[in-house]
C-alpha atoms as a PDB file:
ATOM      1  CA  UNK A   1       6.017  46.491 -10.534  1.00  0.00           C
ATOM      2  CA  UNK A   2       5.802  46.165  -6.760  1.00  0.00           C
ATOM      3  CA  UNK A   3       4.793  42.970  -4.959  1.00  0.00           C
ATOM      4  CA  UNK A   4       3.125  42.029  -1.701  1.00  0.00           C
ATOM      5  CA  UNK A   5       4.867  39.381   0.375  1.00  0.00           C
ATOM      6  CA  UNK A   6       3.201  37.493   3.232  1.00  0.00           C
ATOM      7  CA  UNK A   7       5.215  35.216   5.545  1.00  0.00           C
ATOM      8  CA  UNK A   8       3.750  32.689   7.997  1.00  0.00           C
ATOM      9  CA  UNK A   9       5.913  30.596  10.410  1.00  0.00           C
ATOM     10  CA  UNK A  10       4.541  27.050  10.690  1.00  0.00           C
ATOM     11  CA  UNK A  11       5.541  23.499  11.555  1.00  0.00           C
ATOM     12  CA  UNK A  12       6.467  21.093   8.726  1.00  0.00           C
ATOM     13  CA  UNK A  13       3.149  19.279   9.180  1.00  0.00           C
ATOM     14  CA  UNK A  14       1.200  22.502   8.554  1.00  0.00           C
ATOM     15  CA  UNK A  15       3.224  23.763   5.599  1.00  0.00           C
ATOM     16  CA  UNK A  16       1.148  22.178   2.825  1.00  0.00           C
ATOM     17  CA  UNK A  17      -2.135  23.425   4.305  1.00  0.00           C
ATOM     18  CA  UNK A  18      -0.845  26.991   4.577  1.00  0.00           C
ATOM     19  CA  UNK A  19       0.561  26.781   1.052  1.00  0.00           C
ATOM     20  CA  UNK A  20      -2.965  25.916  -0.144  1.00  0.00           C
ATOM     21  CA  UNK A  21      -4.365  28.811   1.894  1.00  0.00           C
ATOM     22  CA  UNK A  22      -1.999  31.321   0.279  1.00  0.00           C
ATOM     23  CA  UNK A  23      -2.824  29.991  -3.181  1.00  0.00           C
ATOM     24  CA  UNK A  24      -6.513  30.201  -2.327  1.00  0.00           C
ATOM     25  CA  UNK A  25      -5.950  33.853  -1.390  1.00  0.00           C
ATOM     26  CA  UNK A  26      -4.564  34.507  -4.865  1.00  0.00           C
ATOM     27  CA  UNK A  27      -0.794  34.483  -4.489  1.00  0.00           C
ATOM     28  CA  UNK A  28       1.394  34.066  -7.564  1.00  0.00           C
ATOM     29  CA  UNK A  29       4.038  31.861  -5.953  1.00  0.00           C
ATOM     30  CA  UNK A  30       4.776  30.064  -2.676  1.00  0.00           C
ATOM     31  CA  UNK A  31       8.169  29.219  -1.224  1.00  0.00           C
ATOM     32  CA  UNK A  32       9.332  27.387   1.914  1.00  0.00           C
ATOM     33  CA  UNK A  33      12.237  28.834   3.895  1.00  0.00           C
ATOM     34  CA  UNK A  34      14.247  27.853   6.961  1.00  0.00           C
ATOM     35  CA  UNK A  35      13.452  30.073   9.950  1.00  0.00           C
ATOM     36  CA  UNK A  36      16.459  29.054  12.052  1.00  0.00           C
ATOM     37  CA  UNK A  37      19.345  28.333   9.655  1.00  0.00           C
ATOM     38  CA  UNK A  38      19.134  24.582  10.230  1.00  0.00           C
ATOM     39  CA  UNK A  39      20.648  22.650   7.282  1.00  0.00           C
ATOM     40  CA  UNK A  40      19.004  19.599   5.737  1.00  0.00           C
ATOM     41  CA  UNK A  41      21.521  17.169   4.312  1.00  0.00           C
ATOM     42  CA  UNK A  42      20.838  14.376   1.853  1.00  0.00           C
ATOM     43  CA  UNK A  43      17.042  13.937   1.876  1.00  0.00           C
ATOM     44  CA  UNK A  44      15.545  10.604   0.910  1.00  0.00           C
ATOM     45  CA  UNK A  45      14.687  10.232  -2.764  1.00  0.00           C
ATOM     46  CA  UNK A  46      11.165  11.357  -3.591  1.00  0.00           C
ATOM     47  CA  UNK A  47      10.797  13.437  -0.419  1.00  0.00           C
ATOM     48  CA  UNK A  48      10.533  17.177   0.177  1.00  0.00           C
ATOM     49  CA  UNK A  49      11.964  17.631   3.681  1.00  0.00           C
ATOM     50  CA  UNK A  50      11.158  20.768   5.650  1.00  0.00           C
ATOM     51  CA  UNK A  51      12.724  22.396   8.672  1.00  0.00           C
ATOM     52  CA  UNK A  52      11.187  22.191  12.158  1.00  0.00           C
ATOM     53  CA  UNK A  53      10.682  25.950  11.924  1.00  0.00           C
ATOM     54  CA  UNK A  54       9.493  26.635   8.396  1.00  0.00           C
ATOM     55  CA  UNK A  55       8.352  29.941   6.932  1.00  0.00           C
ATOM     56  CA  UNK A  56       5.750  29.709   4.185  1.00  0.00           C
ATOM     57  CA  UNK A  57       5.993  32.780   1.957  1.00  0.00           C
ATOM     58  CA  UNK A  58       3.375  33.922  -0.529  1.00  0.00           C
ATOM     59  CA  UNK A  59       4.104  36.478  -3.243  1.00  0.00           C
ATOM     60  CA  UNK A  60       1.129  38.563  -4.440  1.00  0.00           C
ATOM     61  CA  UNK A  61       0.843  41.121  -7.195  1.00  0.00           C
ATOM     62  CA  UNK A  62       0.530  44.719  -6.064  1.00  0.00           C
ATOM     63  CA  UNK A  63      -3.104  44.840  -7.255  1.00  0.00           C
ATOM     64  CA  UNK A  64      -4.174  42.684  -4.307  1.00  0.00           C
ATOM     65  CA  UNK A  65      -5.768  44.522  -1.421  1.00  0.00           C
ATOM     66  CA  UNK A  66      -3.443  43.750   1.488  1.00  0.00           C
ATOM     67  CA  UNK A  67      -5.982  44.149   4.298  1.00  0.00           C
ATOM     68  CA  UNK A  68      -8.581  42.007   2.559  1.00  0.00           C
ATOM     69  CA  UNK A  69      -5.993  39.319   1.858  1.00  0.00           C
ATOM     70  CA  UNK A  70      -4.754  39.314   5.466  1.00  0.00           C
ATOM     71  CA  UNK A  71      -8.309  39.168   6.807  1.00  0.00           C
ATOM     72  CA  UNK A  72      -9.041  36.133   4.642  1.00  0.00           C
ATOM     73  CA  UNK A  73      -5.881  34.332   5.793  1.00  0.00           C
ATOM     74  CA  UNK A  74      -6.491  35.112   9.492  1.00  0.00           C
ATOM     75  CA  UNK A  75     -10.101  33.919   9.255  1.00  0.00           C
ATOM     76  CA  UNK A  76      -9.140  30.596   7.660  1.00  0.00           C
ATOM     77  CA  UNK A  77      -5.921  29.910   9.570  1.00  0.00           C
ATOM     78  CA  UNK A  78      -7.536  28.521  12.773  1.00  0.00           C
ATOM     79  CA  UNK A  79      -9.156  25.739  10.719  1.00  0.00           C
ATOM     80  CA  UNK A  80      -5.686  24.512   9.751  1.00  0.00           C
ATOM     81  CA  UNK A  81      -4.294  24.349  13.287  1.00  0.00           C
ATOM     82  CA  UNK A  82      -4.784  21.899  16.176  1.00  0.00           C
ATOM     83  CA  UNK A  83      -7.474  22.938  18.661  1.00  0.00           C
ATOM     84  CA  UNK A  84      -6.224  25.580  21.031  1.00  0.00           C
ATOM     85  CA  UNK A  85      -3.131  26.518  19.008  1.00  0.00           C
ATOM     86  CA  UNK A  86      -2.794  30.252  18.418  1.00  0.00           C
ATOM     87  CA  UNK A  87      -2.616  31.600  14.893  1.00  0.00           C
ATOM     88  CA  UNK A  88       1.067  32.307  14.111  1.00  0.00           C
ATOM     89  CA  UNK A  89       2.239  35.853  13.529  1.00  0.00           C
ATOM     90  CA  UNK A  90       1.641  36.818   9.910  1.00  0.00           C
ATOM     91  CA  UNK A  91       4.196  39.248   8.525  1.00  0.00           C
ATOM     92  CA  UNK A  92       3.324  41.326   5.462  1.00  0.00           C
ATOM     93  CA  UNK A  93       5.525  43.693   3.502  1.00  0.00           C
ATOM     94  CA  UNK A  94       5.692  45.483   0.169  1.00  0.00           C
ATOM     95  CA  UNK A  95       8.594  44.616  -2.122  1.00  0.00           C
ATOM     96  CA  UNK A  96       9.513  47.578  -4.257  1.00  0.00           C
ATOM     97  CA  UNK A  97      10.162  47.195  -7.947  1.00  0.00           C
ATOM     98  CA  UNK A  98      13.649  45.915  -8.697  1.00  0.00           C
ATOM     99  CA  UNK A  99      15.643  44.638 -11.632  1.00  0.00           C
ATOM    100  CA  UNK A 100      15.738  41.071 -10.311  1.00  0.00           C
ATOM    101  CA  UNK A 101      17.710  39.766 -13.284  1.00  0.00           C
ATOM    102  CA  UNK A 102      20.404  42.392 -12.745  1.00  0.00           C
ATOM    103  CA  UNK A 103      20.486  41.696  -9.003  1.00  0.00           C
ATOM    104  CA  UNK A 104      20.895  37.967  -9.724  1.00  0.00           C
ATOM    105  CA  UNK A 105      23.669  38.596 -12.236  1.00  0.00           C
ATOM    106  CA  UNK A 106      25.531  40.830  -9.780  1.00  0.00           C
ATOM    107  CA  UNK A 107      25.831  37.885  -7.368  1.00  0.00           C
ATOM    108  CA  UNK A 108      28.317  36.124  -9.634  1.00  0.00           C
ATOM    109  CA  UNK A 109      31.880  37.198 -10.320  1.00  0.00           C
ATOM    110  CA  UNK A 110      34.990  35.561 -11.780  1.00  0.00           C
ATOM    111  CA  UNK A 111      36.673  33.062  -9.428  1.00  0.00           C
ATOM    112  CA  UNK A 112      40.126  31.520  -9.628  1.00  0.00           C
ATOM    113  CA  UNK A 113      40.787  27.870  -8.789  1.00  0.00           C
ATOM    114  CA  UNK A 114      44.381  26.790  -8.481  1.00  0.00           C
ATOM    115  CA  UNK A 115      47.030  28.362 -10.686  1.00  0.00           C
ATOM    116  CA  UNK A 116      45.480  28.326 -14.157  1.00  0.00           C
ATOM    117  CA  UNK A 117      41.725  28.013 -14.000  1.00  0.00           C
ATOM    118  CA  UNK A 118      39.125  30.773 -13.788  1.00  0.00           C
ATOM    119  CA  UNK A 119      35.344  30.338 -13.831  1.00  0.00           C
ATOM    120  CA  UNK A 120      33.712  33.456 -15.256  1.00  0.00           C
ATOM    121  CA  UNK A 121      30.036  34.374 -15.736  1.00  0.00           C
ATOM    122  CA  UNK A 122      29.608  34.858 -19.459  1.00  0.00           C
ATOM    123  CA  UNK A 123      28.435  38.469 -19.055  1.00  0.00           C
ATOM    124  CA  UNK A 124      31.620  39.593 -17.229  1.00  0.00           C
ATOM    125  CA  UNK A 125      35.042  40.336 -18.663  1.00  0.00           C
ATOM    126  CA  UNK A 126      37.636  37.663 -17.879  1.00  0.00           C
ATOM    127  CA  UNK A 127      40.338  38.946 -15.486  1.00  0.00           C
ATOM    128  CA  UNK A 128      43.200  37.150 -17.261  1.00  0.00           C
ATOM    129  CA  UNK A 129      42.786  36.432 -20.986  1.00  0.00           C
ATOM    130  CA  UNK A 130      45.891  34.199 -20.869  1.00  0.00           C
ATOM    131  CA  UNK A 131      44.423  31.915 -18.197  1.00  0.00           C
ATOM    132  CA  UNK A 132      42.201  28.876 -18.718  1.00  0.00           C
ATOM    133  CA  UNK A 133      38.831  30.620 -18.644  1.00  0.00           C
ATOM    134  CA  UNK A 134      35.620  28.622 -18.266  1.00  0.00           C
ATOM    135  CA  UNK A 135      32.589  30.722 -19.227  1.00  0.00           C
ATOM    136  CA  UNK A 136      29.488  29.687 -17.322  1.00  0.00           C
ATOM    137  CA  UNK A 137      25.890  30.829 -17.028  1.00  0.00           C
ATOM    138  CA  UNK A 138      24.450  29.808 -13.649  1.00  0.00           C
ATOM    139  CA  UNK A 139      21.044  28.317 -14.278  1.00  0.00           C
ATOM    140  CA  UNK A 140      18.770  25.432 -13.354  1.00  0.00           C
ATOM    141  CA  UNK A 141      21.585  22.899 -12.919  1.00  0.00           C
ATOM    142  CA  UNK A 142      23.931  22.686  -9.921  1.00  0.00           C
ATOM    143  CA  UNK A 143      27.516  23.849 -10.308  1.00  0.00           C
ATOM    144  CA  UNK A 144      28.847  27.419 -10.407  1.00  0.00           C
ATOM    145  CA  UNK A 145      32.064  27.102  -8.414  1.00  0.00           C
ATOM    146  CA  UNK A 146      30.639  28.903  -5.401  1.00  0.00           C
ATOM    147  CA  UNK A 147      30.040  25.710  -3.400  1.00  0.00           C
ATOM    148  CA  UNK A 148      33.034  24.251  -1.508  1.00  0.00           C
ATOM    149  CA  UNK A 149      32.624  20.802  -3.090  1.00  0.00           C
ATOM    150  CA  UNK A 150      32.785  22.233  -6.618  1.00  0.00           C
ATOM    151  CA  UNK A 151      35.762  24.383  -5.618  1.00  0.00           C
ATOM    152  CA  UNK A 152      37.588  21.347  -4.203  1.00  0.00           C
ATOM    153  CA  UNK A 153      37.094  19.479  -7.474  1.00  0.00           C
ATOM    154  CA  UNK A 154      38.159  22.416  -9.655  1.00  0.00           C
ATOM    155  CA  UNK A 155      41.321  22.939  -7.609  1.00  0.00           C
ATOM    156  CA  UNK A 156      42.227  19.256  -7.999  1.00  0.00           C
ATOM    157  CA  UNK A 157      41.595  19.359 -11.756  1.00  0.00           C
ATOM    158  CA  UNK A 158      43.773  22.458 -12.109  1.00  0.00           C
ATOM    159  CA  UNK A 159      46.641  20.705 -10.314  1.00  0.00           C
ATOM    160  CA  UNK A 160      46.368  17.424 -12.272  1.00  0.00           C
ATOM    161  CA  UNK A 161      47.776  16.496 -15.673  1.00  0.00           C
ATOM    162  CA  UNK A 162      44.700  15.823 -17.819  1.00  0.00           C
ATOM    163  CA  UNK A 163      46.119  15.932 -21.341  1.00  0.00           C
ATOM    164  CA  UNK A 164      44.526  13.301 -23.567  1.00  0.00           C
ATOM    165  CA  UNK A 165      42.437  11.696 -20.819  1.00  0.00           C
ATOM    166  CA  UNK A 166      39.014  10.088 -21.237  1.00  0.00           C
ATOM    167  CA  UNK A 167      36.835  11.521 -18.444  1.00  0.00           C
ATOM    168  CA  UNK A 168      33.411  10.697 -16.996  1.00  0.00           C
ATOM    169  CA  UNK A 169      31.567  13.492 -15.176  1.00  0.00           C
ATOM    170  CA  UNK A 170      28.914  11.559 -13.232  1.00  0.00           C
ATOM    171  CA  UNK A 171      26.220  13.885 -11.914  1.00  0.00           C
ATOM    172  CA  UNK A 172      27.380  16.633 -14.262  1.00  0.00           C
ATOM    173  CA  UNK A 173      24.862  19.326 -13.285  1.00  0.00           C
ATOM    174  CA  UNK A 174      25.882  22.449 -15.207  1.00  0.00           C
ATOM    175  CA  UNK A 175      28.808  20.585 -16.770  1.00  0.00           C
ATOM    176  CA  UNK A 176      31.322  22.757 -14.945  1.00  0.00           C
ATOM    177  CA  UNK A 177      33.695  19.936 -13.962  1.00  0.00           C
ATOM    178  CA  UNK A 178      33.642  18.077 -17.261  1.00  0.00           C
ATOM    179  CA  UNK A 179      34.107  21.270 -19.265  1.00  0.00           C
ATOM    180  CA  UNK A 180      36.916  22.361 -16.940  1.00  0.00           C
ATOM    181  CA  UNK A 181      38.606  19.023 -17.629  1.00  0.00           C
ATOM    182  CA  UNK A 182      38.350  19.617 -21.391  1.00  0.00           C
ATOM    183  CA  UNK A 183      39.758  23.122 -21.131  1.00  0.00           C
ATOM    184  CA  UNK A 184      42.619  21.757 -19.033  1.00  0.00           C
ATOM    185  CA  UNK A 185      43.544  19.185 -21.679  1.00  0.00           C
ATOM    186  CA  UNK A 186      41.205  16.188 -21.447  1.00  0.00           C
ATOM    187  CA  UNK A 187      40.355  14.636 -24.805  1.00  0.00           C
ATOM    188  CA  UNK A 188      36.802  13.387 -24.260  1.00  0.00           C
ATOM    189  CA  UNK A 189      34.093  13.695 -21.571  1.00  0.00           C
ATOM    190  CA  UNK A 190      31.038  11.523 -20.944  1.00  0.00           C
ATOM    191  CA  UNK A 191      28.614  13.701 -18.959  1.00  0.00           C
ATOM    192  CA  UNK A 192      25.978  11.783 -16.958  1.00  0.00           C
ATOM    193  CA  UNK A 193      23.017  13.042 -14.943  1.00  0.00           C
ATOM    194  CA  UNK A 194      19.583  11.830 -13.853  1.00  0.00           C
ATOM    195  CA  UNK A 195      18.105  15.236 -14.770  1.00  0.00           C
ATOM    196  CA  UNK A 196      17.583  15.934 -18.502  1.00  0.00           C
ATOM    197  CA  UNK A 197      17.729  19.662 -17.692  1.00  0.00           C
ATOM    198  CA  UNK A 198      21.294  19.192 -16.456  1.00  0.00           C
ATOM    199  CA  UNK A 199      22.276  17.532 -19.727  1.00  0.00           C
ATOM    200  CA  UNK A 200      20.842  20.489 -21.662  1.00  0.00           C
ATOM    201  CA  UNK A 201      22.682  22.946 -19.407  1.00  0.00           C
ATOM    202  CA  UNK A 202      25.924  21.024 -19.924  1.00  0.00           C
ATOM    203  CA  UNK A 203      25.623  21.188 -23.695  1.00  0.00           C
ATOM    204  CA  UNK A 204      24.745  24.888 -23.563  1.00  0.00           C
ATOM    205  CA  UNK A 205      27.838  25.601 -21.480  1.00  0.00           C
ATOM    206  CA  UNK A 206      29.963  23.481 -23.819  1.00  0.00           C
ATOM    207  CA  UNK A 207      28.886  25.692 -26.742  1.00  0.00           C
ATOM    208  CA  UNK A 208      29.420  28.808 -24.637  1.00  0.00           C
ATOM    209  CA  UNK A 209      33.054  27.793 -24.303  1.00  0.00           C
ATOM    210  CA  UNK A 210      33.356  27.194 -28.055  1.00  0.00           C
ATOM    211  CA  UNK A 211      34.312  23.561 -27.626  1.00  0.00           C
ATOM    212  CA  UNK A 212      33.652  20.943 -30.291  1.00  0.00           C
ATOM    213  CA  UNK A 213      30.372  19.089 -29.747  1.00  0.00           C
ATOM    214  CA  UNK A 214      32.178  15.816 -30.418  1.00  0.00           C
ATOM    215  CA  UNK A 215      34.388  16.151 -27.340  1.00  0.00           C
ATOM    216  CA  UNK A 216      31.472  15.781 -24.895  1.00  0.00           C
ATOM    217  CA  UNK A 217      28.540  13.378 -24.999  1.00  0.00           C
ATOM    218  CA  UNK A 218      25.623  13.384 -22.540  1.00  0.00           C
ATOM    219  CA  UNK A 219      23.786  10.392 -21.067  1.00  0.00           C
ATOM    220  CA  UNK A 220      21.117   9.490 -18.598  1.00  0.00           C
ATOM    221  CA  UNK A 221      22.499   6.782 -16.234  1.00  0.00           C
ATOM    222  CA  UNK A 222      20.840   3.785 -17.957  1.00  0.00           C
ATOM    223  CA  UNK A 223      22.332   4.887 -21.285  1.00  0.00           C
ATOM    224  CA  UNK A 224      26.000   5.102 -20.238  1.00  0.00           C
ATOM    225  CA  UNK A 225      28.050   2.910 -22.589  1.00  0.00           C
ATOM    226  CA  UNK A 226      30.639   0.443 -21.341  1.00  0.00           C
ATOM    227  CA  UNK A 227      34.009   2.135 -21.283  1.00  0.00           C
ATOM    228  CA  UNK A 228      37.350   2.277 -19.496  1.00  0.00           C
ATOM    229  CA  UNK A 229      37.822   5.900 -18.499  1.00  0.00           C
ATOM    230  CA  UNK A 230      41.073   7.436 -17.241  1.00  0.00           C
ATOM    231  CA  UNK A 231      39.265   9.669 -14.727  1.00  0.00           C
ATOM    232  CA  UNK A 232      35.820   9.592 -13.162  1.00  0.00           C
ATOM    233  CA  UNK A 233      34.447  12.654 -11.332  1.00  0.00           C
ATOM    234  CA  UNK A 234      31.345  12.460  -9.124  1.00  0.00           C
ATOM    235  CA  UNK A 235      30.309  15.493  -7.083  1.00  0.00           C
ATOM    236  CA  UNK A 236      27.040  14.137  -5.684  1.00  0.00           C
ATOM    237  CA  UNK A 237      25.738  12.828  -2.330  1.00  0.00           C
ATOM    238  CA  UNK A 238      27.138  10.159  -0.017  1.00  0.00           C
ATOM    239  CA  UNK A 239      24.255   7.684  -0.440  1.00  0.00           C
ATOM    240  CA  UNK A 240      24.459   7.525  -4.256  1.00  0.00           C
ATOM    241  CA  UNK A 241      28.265   7.457  -4.134  1.00  0.00           C
ATOM    242  CA  UNK A 242      28.180   4.341  -1.965  1.00  0.00           C
ATOM    243  CA  UNK A 243      25.577   2.662  -4.184  1.00  0.00           C
ATOM    244  CA  UNK A 244      27.505   3.528  -7.341  1.00  0.00           C
ATOM    245  CA  UNK A 245      30.871   2.063  -6.294  1.00  0.00           C
ATOM    246  CA  UNK A 246      30.389  -1.120  -8.407  1.00  0.00           C
ATOM    247  CA  UNK A 247      29.390   1.011 -11.401  1.00  0.00           C
ATOM    248  CA  UNK A 248      32.393   3.307 -11.013  1.00  0.00           C
ATOM    249  CA  UNK A 249      34.739   0.337 -10.631  1.00  0.00           C
ATOM    250  CA  UNK A 250      33.569  -1.003 -14.001  1.00  0.00           C
ATOM    251  CA  UNK A 251      33.774   2.358 -15.759  1.00  0.00           C
ATOM    252  CA  UNK A 252      37.377   3.070 -14.680  1.00  0.00           C
ATOM    253  CA  UNK A 253      40.338   1.283 -16.188  1.00  0.00           C
ATOM    254  CA  UNK A 254      42.986  -0.190 -13.864  1.00  0.00           C
ATOM    255  CA  UNK A 255      45.105   2.691 -12.677  1.00  0.00           C
ATOM    256  CA  UNK A 256      42.329   5.166 -13.466  1.00  0.00           C
ATOM    257  CA  UNK A 257      41.738   8.065 -11.090  1.00  0.00           C
ATOM    258  CA  UNK A 258      38.604   8.720  -9.055  1.00  0.00           C
ATOM    259  CA  UNK A 259      37.516  12.158  -7.788  1.00  0.00           C
ATOM    260  CA  UNK A 260      34.601  12.219  -5.318  1.00  0.00           C
ATOM    261  CA  UNK A 261      32.982  15.139  -3.527  1.00  0.00           C
ATOM    262  CA  UNK A 262      29.588  16.415  -2.394  1.00  0.00           C
ATOM    263  CA  UNK A 263      30.487  15.059   1.038  1.00  0.00           C
ATOM    264  CA  UNK A 264      30.588  16.351   4.601  1.00  0.00           C
ATOM    265  CA  UNK A 265      33.633  15.578   6.713  1.00  0.00           C
ATOM    266  CA  UNK A 266      31.759  13.136   8.959  1.00  0.00           C
ATOM    267  CA  UNK A 267      30.932  11.009   5.895  1.00  0.00           C
ATOM    268  CA  UNK A 268      34.577  10.281   5.029  1.00  0.00           C
ATOM    269  CA  UNK A 269      34.801   6.944   6.835  1.00  0.00           C
ATOM    270  CA  UNK A 270      31.748   5.373   5.216  1.00  0.00           C
ATOM    271  CA  UNK A 271      32.837   6.474   1.743  1.00  0.00           C
ATOM    272  CA  UNK A 272      36.373   5.186   2.255  1.00  0.00           C
ATOM    273  CA  UNK A 273      35.026   1.897   3.568  1.00  0.00           C
ATOM    274  CA  UNK A 274      32.803   1.494   0.481  1.00  0.00           C
ATOM    275  CA  UNK A 275      35.710   2.085  -1.919  1.00  0.00           C
ATOM    276  CA  UNK A 276      38.629   0.417  -0.162  1.00  0.00           C
ATOM    277  CA  UNK A 277      38.144  -2.991  -1.850  1.00  0.00           C
ATOM    278  CA  UNK A 278      38.829  -1.730  -5.385  1.00  0.00           C
ATOM    279  CA  UNK A 279      40.666   1.561  -4.899  1.00  0.00           C
ATOM    280  CA  UNK A 280      43.819   2.900  -3.294  1.00  0.00           C
ATOM    281  CA  UNK A 281      42.668   5.973  -1.401  1.00  0.00           C
ATOM    282  CA  UNK A 282      44.544   9.267  -0.981  1.00  0.00           C
ATOM    283  CA  UNK A 283      44.405  11.654   1.952  1.00  0.00           C
ATOM    284  CA  UNK A 284      41.105  13.525   2.338  1.00  0.00           C
ATOM    285  CA  UNK A 285      41.027  17.236   1.437  1.00  0.00           C
ATOM    286  CA  UNK A 286      38.723  19.564   3.403  1.00  0.00           C
ATOM    287  CA  UNK A 287      37.102  22.958   2.825  1.00  0.00           C
ATOM    288  CA  UNK A 288      34.492  24.480   5.169  1.00  0.00           C
ATOM    289  CA  UNK A 289      33.478  21.052   6.581  1.00  0.00           C
ATOM    290  CA  UNK A 290      33.107  19.604   3.069  1.00  0.00           C
ATOM    291  CA  UNK A 291      35.568  17.063   1.718  1.00  0.00           C
ATOM    292  CA  UNK A 292      37.123  15.684  -1.444  1.00  0.00           C
ATOM    293  CA  UNK A 293      38.228  12.061  -1.745  1.00  0.00           C
ATOM    294  CA  UNK A 294      40.577  10.920  -4.506  1.00  0.00           C
ATOM    295  CA  UNK A 295      41.689   7.385  -5.279  1.00  0.00           C
ATOM    296  CA  UNK A 296      43.230   5.135  -7.909  1.00  0.00           C
ATOM    297  CA  UNK A 297      41.580   2.028  -9.387  1.00  0.00           C
ATOM    298  CA  UNK A 298      43.523  -1.135  -8.583  1.00  0.00           C
END
């Protein structure tokens, strides 16, 4: 079926009111988009940050009368704006019917990381059956290999001897890094995430790769057992990485390796400063302004 799409550029302060207006007009879904390609990095916990130029988009079923809907929005919009402010330009368009699932699937293709490792969407044929092939379904949890931080971690794992290691994947998301470690020779992975959906996605991807359930266990952070891992991976944000340094120090055995990412290049100094007391730090690796920090537990 076709859809009607209505876009309204607003300030962050007006976004919620215009979201309510679109819902009042009968839209099926509302999204917020950046109008000027301005990134937002590391929002505060519990917040939903918006861009200074935000586009509120409402998606309506084709049965809606477009002119009636636009008239309603234009009549109500002035009530939501400061006195004297002009009603923003309202853009409306018809979205033709499309196989959205197929279009989404076509976005993903096999990707190689290092010498041995490939990450392949489960619906595509693997390019090299003799390689280490990680089958992955992109879903609700972060981690497909397309982001530079994930790529940096996968390349490091491919180049590192992992045979028999006990690994912690902290902030596991889709499970891509922990499962890659298993396929590359690790013996056991503890996968940790604050999002229960991520833990489900990790277990689904473990089964997709036909790995034994016993080789990976999932935990919410308060449930993580005391252990002395050989390798700890954390591809998350700078703030949590700094706060978690004491936790990571306890979870790694002396001589254990640490792999951190999810970081922008300007955050390297504060991360290194937080970890220098208990870790010997390696040189920073960079990809597209994102970085990877590796270290060894003293």
